Amino acid sequence: MSSRLRVVLEYLHPWTNSAGFFVASRQGWFTEAGLDVELAVADPSRGDSLAYLSRFEADFAVFPTNRLLVRRAAHQPLKAVAAINHRGMETILTTTGTGITRPRDLEGRRLALNPTPRGLAMVRHLIAADGGDFDKVTVVDSGLRELLADDVAAGEADATFGNYWAWDALLGALPQQERVIWPVDTIGAPPYHSYLLGTQESTLERNPVLVRTLLGIVERGYLAARDEPALALDAFERYVPYFSREILRTSLDLLTPTWFHDGRWGQVRADLMQPYTQWLASYGILPDADAWQHSFTNDYLPVPVA
């Protein structure tokens, strides 16, 4: 009899960052291990992937690091068990037509973003790191919508924050040479894991074998996506058939290095968690700069082969 599991992914639709899950599902590796895995996305009217996890409506979830830390500060018993990315994915994006050539040039201009406390803190930090004054920037509330380069070129804003350099920064018709894309970790952001995979602490206590089995298969999926990209492209035909193969291939090429550190998949790293938590606390997003210390465990990851 199969174990029925629901994994809620990190975004409003499936995308290339979940390639390891997609490959594992497409190749039948979950089924072979006796797992009946549903890969789902969150309905935003009911919250993000962590909301599903906290209500026991998901067994596992992929989520941003900061959102996990906020929930743990509220004493929710959720824990990361693997890292998906070892880099920040976000960007400030503009176009050559705006004349904006560096973050401090955003003074007096319109910057579109979802104005969450963390988002506002990040752009404030990045503009200040370049000697600019965020208070002179006009914030355009774009909500959950990520403006594309095409939208900036059409005049909806002068720049946008939140696009991923390996995904929506690639979308749209504007020629690539007319796009100006600054990954946040190249312009002063603290280091952080963009996405983690986690579960309820009770799941770790009740069924550690299940957790180890799932992580072993997901690792296998990400390794296969790296070593045999054709497997990932084939899996994308099932999960994201509405994007062009060219976009999917380019995104996969960009994302693949972010999944590994020193050749290994999954390790949640203190050298990324500690400075990011400290940064979040410095902007009042977290009450405690030490909140990261019990937020994750690497104990369930596959043992590396010598």
Protein backbone atom coordinates (compact mmCIF):
# COMPACT_ATOMS: atom_id res chain seq x y z
CA MET A 1 0.00 0.00 0.00
CA SER A 2 1.38 3.43 -0.99
CA SER A 3 1.93 6.30 1.43
CA ARG A 4 -0.11 9.25 0.21
CA LEU A 5 1.85 12.49 0.40
CA ARG A 6 1.12 16.03 -0.66
CA VAL A 7 4.02 18.38 -1.43
CA VAL A 8 3.04 22.03 -1.93
CA LEU A 9 5.55 23.84 -4.10
CA GLU A 10 6.76 27.39 -3.66
CA TYR A 11 5.04 29.47 -6.32
CA LEU A 12 1.64 30.17 -7.87
CA HIS A 13 2.43 27.79 -10.73
CA PRO A 14 4.99 25.03 -11.30
CA TRP A 15 8.31 26.31 -12.61
CA THR A 16 11.81 25.11 -13.32
CA ASN A 17 13.11 25.36 -9.76
CA SER A 18 11.07 22.25 -8.93
CA ALA A 19 12.84 20.18 -11.58
CA GLY A 20 14.03 17.58 -9.08
CA PHE A 21 10.47 16.82 -7.99
CA PHE A 22 9.23 16.77 -11.58
CA VAL A 23 11.95 14.40 -12.77
CA ALA A 24 11.41 12.05 -9.84
CA SER A 25 7.68 11.96 -10.52
CA ARG A 26 8.04 11.58 -14.28
CA GLN A 27 10.53 8.73 -13.88
CA GLY A 28 8.27 6.92 -11.40
CA TRP A 29 10.79 6.99 -8.57
CA PHE A 30 8.25 8.01 -5.92
CA THR A 31 5.97 5.16 -6.95
CA GLU A 32 8.83 2.65 -6.92
CA ALA A 33 9.49 3.61 -3.29
CA GLY A 34 5.84 3.12 -2.35
CA LEU A 35 5.02 6.83 -2.23
CA ASP A 36 1.91 8.28 -3.85
CA VAL A 37 3.09 11.88 -4.18
CA GLU A 38 0.93 14.79 -5.27
CA LEU A 39 2.87 17.87 -6.37
CA ALA A 40 0.61 20.87 -5.79
CA VAL A 41 0.71 24.66 -5.71
CA ALA A 42 -0.98 26.89 -3.16
CA ASP A 43 -4.24 28.72 -3.72
CA PRO A 44 -3.26 32.28 -2.65
CA SER A 45 -6.72 32.83 -1.17
CA ARG A 46 -5.80 30.15 1.37
CA GLY A 47 -2.22 31.22 2.00
CA ASP A 48 1.24 30.20 0.90
CA SER A 49 2.84 26.75 1.03
CA LEU A 50 3.70 27.15 4.72
CA ALA A 51 0.06 27.93 5.52
CA TYR A 52 -0.88 24.59 3.99
CA LEU A 53 1.87 22.87 5.96
CA SER A 54 0.89 24.51 9.24
CA ARG A 55 -2.73 23.35 8.79
CA PHE A 56 -1.61 19.79 8.02
CA GLU A 57 -3.02 20.17 4.51
CA ALA A 58 0.42 19.30 3.14
CA ASP A 59 3.01 16.81 4.32
CA PHE A 60 5.94 18.75 2.90
CA ALA A 61 6.34 22.23 1.44
CA VAL A 62 8.88 24.36 -0.39
CA PHE A 63 9.10 27.92 0.96
CA PRO A 64 11.27 31.04 1.31
CA THR A 65 13.65 31.04 4.26
CA ASN A 66 12.30 34.26 5.76
CA ARG A 67 8.74 32.96 5.90
CA LEU A 68 9.84 29.88 7.81
CA LEU A 69 11.72 32.03 10.32
CA VAL A 70 8.70 34.30 10.86
CA ARG A 71 6.46 31.31 11.54
CA ARG A 72 8.95 29.77 13.92
CA ALA A 73 9.14 33.08 15.77
CA ALA A 74 5.38 32.62 16.21
CA HIS A 75 6.13 29.18 17.75
CA GLN A 76 4.86 27.11 14.84
CA PRO A 77 6.60 23.68 14.90
CA LEU A 78 7.84 23.71 11.30
CA LYS A 79 11.38 22.79 10.28
CA ALA A 80 13.46 22.83 7.11
CA VAL A 81 14.99 19.49 6.15
CA ALA A 82 16.77 20.45 2.91
CA ALA A 83 17.93 23.45 0.93
CA ILE A 84 16.68 23.88 -2.62
CA ASN A 85 18.76 26.96 -3.55
CA HIS A 86 22.06 28.31 -2.29
CA ARG A 87 21.59 31.78 -3.76
CA GLY A 88 19.08 34.59 -3.61
CA MET A 89 16.93 34.53 -6.74
CA GLU A 90 15.47 38.04 -6.74
CA THR A 91 16.50 41.01 -8.83
CA ILE A 92 15.98 44.66 -9.38
CA LEU A 93 15.00 44.85 -13.04
CA THR A 94 14.79 47.85 -15.34
CA THR A 95 15.45 48.61 -18.99
CA THR A 96 18.10 50.57 -20.84
CA GLY A 97 15.40 53.02 -21.90
CA THR A 98 14.88 54.29 -18.34
CA GLY A 99 18.44 55.55 -18.01
CA ILE A 100 18.75 53.82 -14.63
CA THR A 101 22.27 52.42 -14.40
CA ARG A 102 22.64 51.63 -10.68
CA PRO A 103 20.38 51.17 -7.64
CA ARG A 104 20.79 54.72 -6.33
CA ASP A 105 19.41 56.01 -9.64
CA LEU A 106 16.01 54.82 -8.39
CA GLU A 107 15.73 58.03 -6.37
CA GLY A 108 12.81 59.99 -7.80
CA ARG A 109 11.66 57.02 -9.87
CA ARG A 110 8.82 54.48 -9.61
CA LEU A 111 9.77 51.05 -8.26
CA ALA A 112 7.11 48.32 -8.46
CA LEU A 113 7.07 45.57 -5.85
CA ASN A 114 4.88 43.67 -3.44
CA PRO A 115 5.41 45.94 -0.40
CA THR A 116 5.83 43.27 2.26
CA PRO A 117 7.98 44.21 5.28
CA ARG A 118 10.78 42.02 3.95
CA GLY A 119 10.48 43.34 0.38
CA LEU A 120 10.57 46.96 1.52
CA ALA A 121 13.53 46.23 3.79
CA MET A 122 15.43 44.58 0.95
CA VAL A 123 15.07 47.44 -1.52
CA ARG A 124 15.82 49.99 1.21
CA HIS A 125 18.99 48.05 2.00
CA LEU A 126 20.07 47.68 -1.62
CA ILE A 127 19.55 51.34 -2.49
CA ALA A 128 21.33 52.47 0.67
CA ALA A 129 24.23 50.09 -0.11
CA ASP A 130 24.72 52.10 -3.31
CA GLY A 131 24.56 55.43 -1.49
CA GLY A 132 20.94 56.19 -2.35
CA ASP A 133 17.93 57.23 -0.28
CA PHE A 134 15.00 54.84 -0.44
CA ASP A 135 12.67 57.49 0.96
CA LYS A 136 13.04 59.36 -2.34
CA VAL A 137 11.74 56.33 -4.28
CA THR A 138 8.08 56.14 -5.29
CA VAL A 139 6.79 52.64 -4.43
CA VAL A 140 4.24 51.15 -6.81
CA ASP A 141 2.26 48.36 -5.16
CA SER A 142 2.18 45.52 -7.70
CA GLY A 143 0.77 42.96 -5.25
CA LEU A 144 1.40 39.37 -6.27
CA ARG A 145 2.00 40.39 -9.85
CA GLU A 146 5.62 40.37 -11.00
CA LEU A 147 6.04 43.06 -13.64
CA LEU A 148 8.04 41.90 -16.64
CA ALA A 149 10.61 43.87 -18.60
CA ASP A 150 7.86 44.48 -21.15
CA ASP A 151 5.75 46.21 -18.48
CA VAL A 152 8.63 48.49 -17.52
CA ALA A 153 9.22 49.31 -21.18
CA ALA A 154 5.48 50.13 -21.48
CA GLY A 155 5.81 52.66 -18.65
CA GLU A 156 3.98 50.90 -15.82
CA ALA A 157 7.00 51.61 -13.59
CA ASP A 158 10.64 52.59 -14.00
CA ALA A 159 11.90 49.40 -12.38
CA THR A 160 10.61 46.37 -10.52
CA PHE A 161 11.83 44.30 -7.59
CA GLY A 162 11.12 40.62 -7.03
CA ASN A 163 11.63 39.04 -10.43
CA TYR A 164 13.91 36.02 -10.46
CA TRP A 165 16.97 36.27 -12.65
CA ALA A 166 16.48 32.63 -13.64
CA TRP A 167 12.78 32.84 -14.41
CA ASP A 168 10.45 35.81 -14.94
CA ALA A 169 13.33 38.16 -15.77
CA LEU A 170 13.66 35.96 -18.89
CA LEU A 171 10.01 36.27 -19.93
CA GLY A 172 8.46 38.73 -22.35
CA ALA A 173 9.28 40.08 -25.79
CA LEU A 174 11.74 42.86 -24.96
CA PRO A 175 15.19 41.98 -26.39
CA GLN A 176 17.59 40.74 -23.73
CA GLN A 177 20.13 43.47 -24.55
CA GLU A 178 17.56 46.09 -23.49
CA ARG A 179 17.05 44.55 -20.05
CA VAL A 180 19.03 45.61 -16.98
CA ILE A 181 19.00 42.85 -14.36
CA TRP A 182 20.74 43.07 -10.99
CA PRO A 183 20.60 39.88 -8.88
CA VAL A 184 20.30 41.05 -5.29
CA ASP A 185 23.28 39.03 -4.12
CA THR A 186 25.51 41.00 -6.51
CA ILE A 187 24.46 44.43 -5.19
CA GLY A 188 24.70 44.06 -1.43
CA ALA A 189 22.03 41.63 -0.21
CA PRO A 190 22.98 39.26 2.61
CA PRO A 191 23.52 35.65 1.55
CA TYR A 192 20.52 33.35 1.90
CA HIS A 193 18.80 30.22 0.68
CA SER A 194 15.98 31.35 -1.61
CA TYR A 195 13.99 28.18 -0.97
CA LEU A 196 13.98 25.39 1.58
CA LEU A 197 12.04 22.15 1.80
CA GLY A 198 10.43 21.38 5.13
CA THR A 199 7.77 19.62 7.15
CA GLN A 200 6.11 19.51 10.56
CA GLU A 201 8.34 18.58 13.50
CA SER A 202 5.78 15.93 14.37
CA THR A 203 6.40 14.26 11.00
CA LEU A 204 10.11 14.05 11.79
CA GLU A 205 9.35 12.43 15.14
CA ARG A 206 6.63 10.10 13.88
CA ASN A 207 8.03 8.92 10.56
CA PRO A 208 11.75 9.63 10.06
CA VAL A 209 12.06 6.79 7.52
CA LEU A 210 9.46 8.46 5.32
CA VAL A 211 11.34 11.77 5.46
CA ARG A 212 14.64 10.12 4.56
CA THR A 213 13.02 8.20 1.72
CA LEU A 214 11.45 11.32 0.23
CA LEU A 215 14.67 13.32 0.50
CA GLY A 216 16.65 10.54 -1.13
CA ILE A 217 14.32 10.52 -4.11
CA VAL A 218 14.23 14.31 -4.41
CA GLU A 219 18.03 14.43 -4.31
CA ARG A 220 18.10 11.81 -7.05
CA GLY A 221 15.75 13.99 -9.09
CA TYR A 222 17.91 17.09 -8.78
CA LEU A 223 21.07 15.14 -9.61
CA ALA A 224 19.35 13.73 -12.69
CA ALA A 225 18.17 17.19 -13.74
CA ARG A 226 21.77 18.36 -13.50
CA ASP A 227 23.40 15.40 -15.19
CA GLU A 228 20.71 14.64 -17.77
CA PRO A 229 18.92 17.91 -18.55
CA ALA A 230 16.85 16.15 -21.22
CA LEU A 231 15.02 14.32 -18.41
CA ALA A 232 14.04 17.66 -16.90
CA LEU A 233 12.93 19.09 -20.23
CA ASP A 234 10.81 15.99 -20.79
CA ALA A 235 9.25 16.38 -17.33
CA PHE A 236 8.52 20.06 -18.00
CA GLU A 237 6.30 18.96 -20.90
CA ARG A 238 3.95 17.54 -18.25
CA TYR A 239 4.16 20.25 -15.59
CA VAL A 240 4.78 23.52 -17.48
CA PRO A 241 3.81 22.85 -21.11
CA TYR A 242 2.70 26.47 -21.53
CA PHE A 243 6.27 27.84 -21.57
CA SER A 244 8.60 27.58 -24.55
CA ARG A 245 11.38 25.02 -24.53
CA GLU A 246 13.88 27.84 -25.07
CA ILE A 247 12.80 29.60 -21.86
CA LEU A 248 12.73 26.32 -19.94
CA ARG A 249 16.19 25.33 -21.16
CA THR A 250 17.69 28.74 -20.37
CA SER A 251 16.12 28.81 -16.93
CA LEU A 252 17.31 25.28 -16.18
CA ASP A 253 20.87 26.17 -17.16
CA LEU A 254 20.82 29.17 -14.82
CA LEU A 255 19.17 27.40 -11.89
CA THR A 256 21.14 24.17 -11.84
CA PRO A 257 24.25 25.59 -10.08
CA THR A 258 22.07 27.04 -7.31
CA TRP A 259 20.92 23.57 -6.23
CA PHE A 260 24.35 22.38 -5.12
CA HIS A 261 27.12 23.48 -2.78
CA ASP A 262 30.49 21.78 -3.01
CA GLY A 263 28.82 19.21 -5.23
CA ARG A 264 26.17 18.26 -2.67
CA TRP A 265 22.43 18.74 -2.75
CA GLY A 266 20.28 19.65 0.21
CA GLN A 267 22.60 20.91 2.93
CA VAL A 268 21.07 23.81 4.85
CA ARG A 269 24.05 26.00 5.68
CA ALA A 270 24.63 27.99 8.83
CA ASP A 271 26.80 30.41 6.84
CA LEU A 272 23.68 31.40 4.89
CA MET A 273 21.10 31.11 7.67
CA GLN A 274 22.93 33.11 10.34
CA PRO A 275 23.66 36.35 8.43
CA TYR A 276 20.23 36.38 6.82
CA THR A 277 18.48 35.95 10.16
CA GLN A 278 20.62 38.70 11.63
CA TRP A 279 19.71 40.96 8.72
CA LEU A 280 15.98 40.21 9.09
CA ALA A 281 16.20 40.97 12.81
CA SER A 282 18.03 44.25 12.13
CA TYR A 283 15.01 45.41 10.10
CA GLY A 284 12.52 44.29 12.75
CA ILE A 285 11.14 41.43 10.65
CA LEU A 286 12.28 38.91 13.26
CA PRO A 287 12.44 39.48 17.01
CA ASP A 288 15.57 37.37 17.51
CA ALA A 289 18.79 37.23 15.49
CA ASP A 290 19.39 33.69 16.79
CA ALA A 291 16.10 32.34 15.46
CA TRP A 292 17.83 30.33 12.74
CA GLN A 293 19.58 27.92 15.10
CA HIS A 294 16.70 25.46 15.54
CA SER A 295 14.91 26.16 12.27
CA PHE A 296 16.47 23.34 10.26
CA THR A 297 18.09 19.94 10.41
CA ASN A 298 20.35 18.12 7.96
CA ASP A 299 19.94 14.82 9.80
CA TYR A 300 17.52 13.32 7.28
CA LEU A 301 19.54 13.97 4.12
CA PRO A 302 21.08 11.02 2.27
CA VAL A 303 24.54 10.09 3.52
CA PRO A 304 27.08 11.10 0.85
CA VAL A 305 28.84 8.25 -0.91
CA ALA A 306 32.54 8.22 -0.10
